[in-house]
């Protein structure tokens, strides 16, 4: 299904009662956030990065797949290597934006694996990059960099084969960690 969403009631000791929603598409997320903001008079919507699965190899050889930052296993607790979910993205853009899109892919720790002209004025770039990069900033940056003239579709392709440096980013509210704001990120970010 192209447009999937899940909604869970959430009780956080720091943030209080609310709902945690996850969306598989940016347009659906934007639409739902706009609806909720309209209902609440512009108040009450916080958008945080989507959780993407991470694989951890432990010191004893065990492999664990983590779905959220709350399941994080630090190196001090036995984690040896971290692997992140990768995605294959297809970008359709005007020919004059091909170099910009390729550079963006590199900046987001990805690689363009195929480029194909589509007619005389457009190009299709196929790339592989971390799913978290796509969900956090790539899509918005693509729209800004191409003045909205590029389109993108992507799908997860599995866990990457190269280990990466990851950590959990915890945000504090009144000196207490707010789980609803925690996320797993590459240490370069």
Protein backbone atom coordinates (compact mmCIF):
# COMPACT_ATOMS: atom_id res chain seq x y z
CA UNK A 1 0.00 0.00 0.00
CA UNK A 2 1.43 3.33 -1.04
CA UNK A 3 -0.06 5.46 1.74
CA UNK A 4 0.26 3.68 5.07
CA UNK A 5 0.11 5.24 8.51
CA UNK A 6 -0.03 3.98 12.06
CA UNK A 7 -1.28 5.84 15.12
CA UNK A 8 -0.50 4.81 18.69
CA UNK A 9 -1.58 6.48 21.91
CA UNK A 10 1.55 7.43 23.82
CA UNK A 11 2.14 8.27 27.46
CA UNK A 12 5.54 9.79 28.10
CA UNK A 13 6.61 10.68 31.65
CA UNK A 14 8.16 13.93 30.38
CA UNK A 15 5.86 14.93 27.51
CA UNK A 16 2.58 13.59 28.87
CA UNK A 17 -0.25 11.99 26.89
CA UNK A 18 -0.38 12.22 23.12
CA UNK A 19 -0.29 10.22 19.93
CA UNK A 20 2.68 8.85 18.03
CA UNK A 21 2.04 8.62 14.31
CA UNK A 22 4.25 7.18 11.61
CA UNK A 23 3.80 7.66 7.90
CA UNK A 24 5.31 5.93 4.88
CA UNK A 25 4.96 8.97 2.66
CA UNK A 26 5.87 12.63 3.03
CA UNK A 27 2.67 13.92 1.38
CA UNK A 28 0.51 11.90 3.78
CA UNK A 29 2.52 13.12 6.78
CA UNK A 30 2.23 16.73 5.63
CA UNK A 31 -1.51 16.37 4.98
CA UNK A 32 -2.24 14.78 8.39
CA UNK A 33 -0.10 17.33 10.25
CA UNK A 34 -1.94 20.17 8.50
CA UNK A 35 -5.31 18.64 9.49
CA UNK A 36 -4.29 18.23 13.13
CA UNK A 37 -2.83 21.76 13.28
CA UNK A 38 -6.08 23.15 11.85
CA UNK A 39 -8.12 21.25 14.46
CA UNK A 40 -5.86 22.38 17.30
CA UNK A 41 -5.53 25.99 16.15
CA UNK A 42 -1.93 25.57 15.03
CA UNK A 43 -0.81 24.03 18.32
CA UNK A 44 0.30 20.59 19.43
CA UNK A 45 2.10 18.96 16.51
CA UNK A 46 5.75 17.98 16.79
CA UNK A 47 7.39 16.20 13.88
CA UNK A 48 10.45 14.08 14.63
CA UNK A 49 12.56 11.84 12.38
CA UNK A 50 11.01 8.52 11.47
CA UNK A 51 12.52 5.46 13.13
CA UNK A 52 14.37 3.24 10.68
CA UNK A 53 15.46 -0.29 11.55
CA UNK A 54 19.06 -0.84 12.60
CA UNK A 55 20.94 -4.12 12.89
CA UNK A 56 23.43 -4.61 15.71
CA UNK A 57 26.13 -7.26 15.91
CA UNK A 58 26.98 -8.07 19.52
CA UNK A 59 30.34 -9.11 20.94
CA UNK A 60 29.11 -12.72 21.37
CA UNK A 61 28.16 -12.94 17.66
CA UNK A 62 24.42 -12.47 18.17
CA UNK A 63 22.58 -10.29 15.66
CA UNK A 64 19.71 -8.08 16.84
CA UNK A 65 17.38 -5.92 14.78
CA UNK A 66 16.26 -2.73 16.52
CA UNK A 67 13.10 -0.89 15.50
CA UNK A 68 13.35 2.19 17.72
CA UNK A 69 15.86 4.19 19.72
CA UNK A 70 14.40 2.79 22.97
CA UNK A 71 15.89 -0.62 22.03
CA UNK A 72 19.39 0.84 21.51
CA UNK A 73 22.36 -1.28 22.61
CA UNK A 74 25.47 0.87 23.24
CA UNK A 75 28.99 -0.38 22.56
CA UNK A 76 29.61 -0.47 26.31
CA UNK A 77 26.83 -3.07 26.57
CA UNK A 78 28.27 -5.38 23.93
CA UNK A 79 27.51 -3.88 20.52
CA UNK A 80 30.40 -4.33 18.07
CA UNK A 81 28.95 -3.14 14.75
CA UNK A 82 25.91 -1.22 13.58
CA UNK A 83 24.25 -1.55 10.16
CA UNK A 84 21.50 0.69 8.84
CA UNK A 85 18.55 0.17 6.50
CA UNK A 86 19.28 1.16 2.92
CA UNK A 87 16.87 2.39 0.26
CA UNK A 88 16.80 2.57 -3.51
CA UNK A 89 15.53 5.94 -4.71
CA UNK A 90 14.56 7.04 -8.19
CA UNK A 91 14.69 10.76 -8.88
CA UNK A 92 13.23 12.30 -12.01
CA UNK A 93 14.65 15.79 -12.54
CA UNK A 94 15.29 18.38 -15.24
CA UNK A 95 18.60 17.69 -16.97
CA UNK A 96 20.14 20.93 -15.64
CA UNK A 97 19.64 19.67 -12.05
CA UNK A 98 21.34 16.28 -12.51
CA UNK A 99 24.66 17.42 -10.99
CA UNK A 100 22.89 19.01 -8.02
CA UNK A 101 20.94 15.80 -7.33
CA UNK A 102 24.11 13.67 -7.66
CA UNK A 103 25.96 15.94 -5.22
CA UNK A 104 23.05 15.75 -2.77
CA UNK A 105 23.17 11.96 -2.96
CA UNK A 106 26.88 11.99 -2.00
CA UNK A 107 26.24 14.48 0.83
CA UNK A 108 23.66 12.05 2.24
CA UNK A 109 26.11 9.11 2.22
CA UNK A 110 24.67 7.56 -0.94
CA UNK A 111 25.75 6.64 -4.44
CA UNK A 112 24.15 7.11 -7.83
CA UNK A 113 24.03 3.64 -9.41
CA UNK A 114 22.36 4.49 -12.72
CA UNK A 115 21.58 7.58 -14.78
CA UNK A 116 19.30 7.55 -17.79
CA UNK A 117 18.07 10.41 -19.97
CA UNK A 118 14.30 10.66 -20.33
CA UNK A 119 13.54 12.66 -23.44
CA UNK A 120 15.62 15.76 -24.16
CA UNK A 121 15.06 17.69 -20.94
CA UNK A 122 14.83 15.22 -18.07
CA UNK A 123 17.02 12.63 -16.42
CA UNK A 124 16.26 9.68 -14.15
CA UNK A 125 18.82 8.97 -11.43
CA UNK A 126 18.72 5.73 -9.48
CA UNK A 127 20.60 5.85 -6.18
CA UNK A 128 21.17 3.84 -3.04
CA UNK A 129 21.44 5.62 0.28
CA UNK A 130 20.48 5.16 3.94
CA UNK A 131 16.72 5.22 4.47
CA UNK A 132 17.16 7.56 7.43
CA UNK A 133 18.80 10.15 5.18
CA UNK A 134 15.82 10.06 2.84
CA UNK A 135 13.29 10.39 5.62
CA UNK A 136 15.04 13.13 7.54
CA UNK A 137 16.28 15.67 5.02
CA UNK A 138 16.85 14.45 1.47
CA UNK A 139 13.28 14.82 0.19
CA UNK A 140 12.87 18.36 1.51
CA UNK A 141 16.31 19.39 0.24
CA UNK A 142 15.51 17.92 -3.18
CA UNK A 143 12.37 20.05 -3.43
CA UNK A 144 14.26 23.20 -2.42
CA UNK A 145 17.29 22.55 -4.65
CA UNK A 146 15.24 21.91 -7.77
CA UNK A 147 12.50 24.51 -7.11
CA UNK A 148 10.02 21.65 -6.84
CA UNK A 149 10.77 20.39 -10.37
CA UNK A 150 12.09 16.96 -9.30
CA UNK A 151 10.10 13.98 -8.08
CA UNK A 152 11.26 11.04 -6.01
CA UNK A 153 10.09 7.56 -5.16
CA UNK A 154 11.94 5.18 -2.88
CA UNK A 155 11.71 1.82 -1.18
CA UNK A 156 13.74 0.04 1.50
CA UNK A 157 16.09 -2.60 0.07
CA UNK A 158 17.35 -4.16 3.30
CA UNK A 159 20.13 -3.77 5.79
CA UNK A 160 23.42 -2.42 4.41
CA UNK A 161 26.51 -4.63 4.35
CA UNK A 162 29.00 -2.02 5.61
CA UNK A 163 29.15 -1.14 9.31
CA UNK A 164 28.47 2.50 10.20
CA UNK A 165 28.98 4.73 13.21
CA UNK A 166 25.61 5.32 14.87
CA UNK A 167 24.46 6.69 18.18
CA UNK A 168 21.25 7.73 19.92
CA UNK A 169 20.43 11.41 20.13
CA UNK A 170 18.52 12.14 23.32
CA UNK A 171 16.83 15.50 23.84
CA UNK A 172 16.23 16.69 27.37
CA UNK A 173 13.09 18.44 28.56
CA UNK A 174 13.53 19.94 32.03
CA UNK A 175 16.73 17.87 32.43
CA UNK A 176 14.91 14.58 31.71
CA UNK A 177 15.28 12.51 28.52
CA UNK A 178 12.15 12.71 26.38
CA UNK A 179 11.82 9.32 24.65
CA UNK A 180 9.46 10.79 22.06
CA UNK A 181 12.30 12.98 20.76
CA UNK A 182 15.07 10.35 20.79
CA UNK A 183 16.36 9.02 17.49
CA UNK A 184 19.24 7.01 16.06
CA UNK A 185 21.61 9.06 13.90
CA UNK A 186 24.89 8.70 12.07
CA UNK A 187 27.67 10.24 14.15
CA UNK A 188 28.60 12.60 11.28
CA UNK A 189 25.16 14.19 11.52
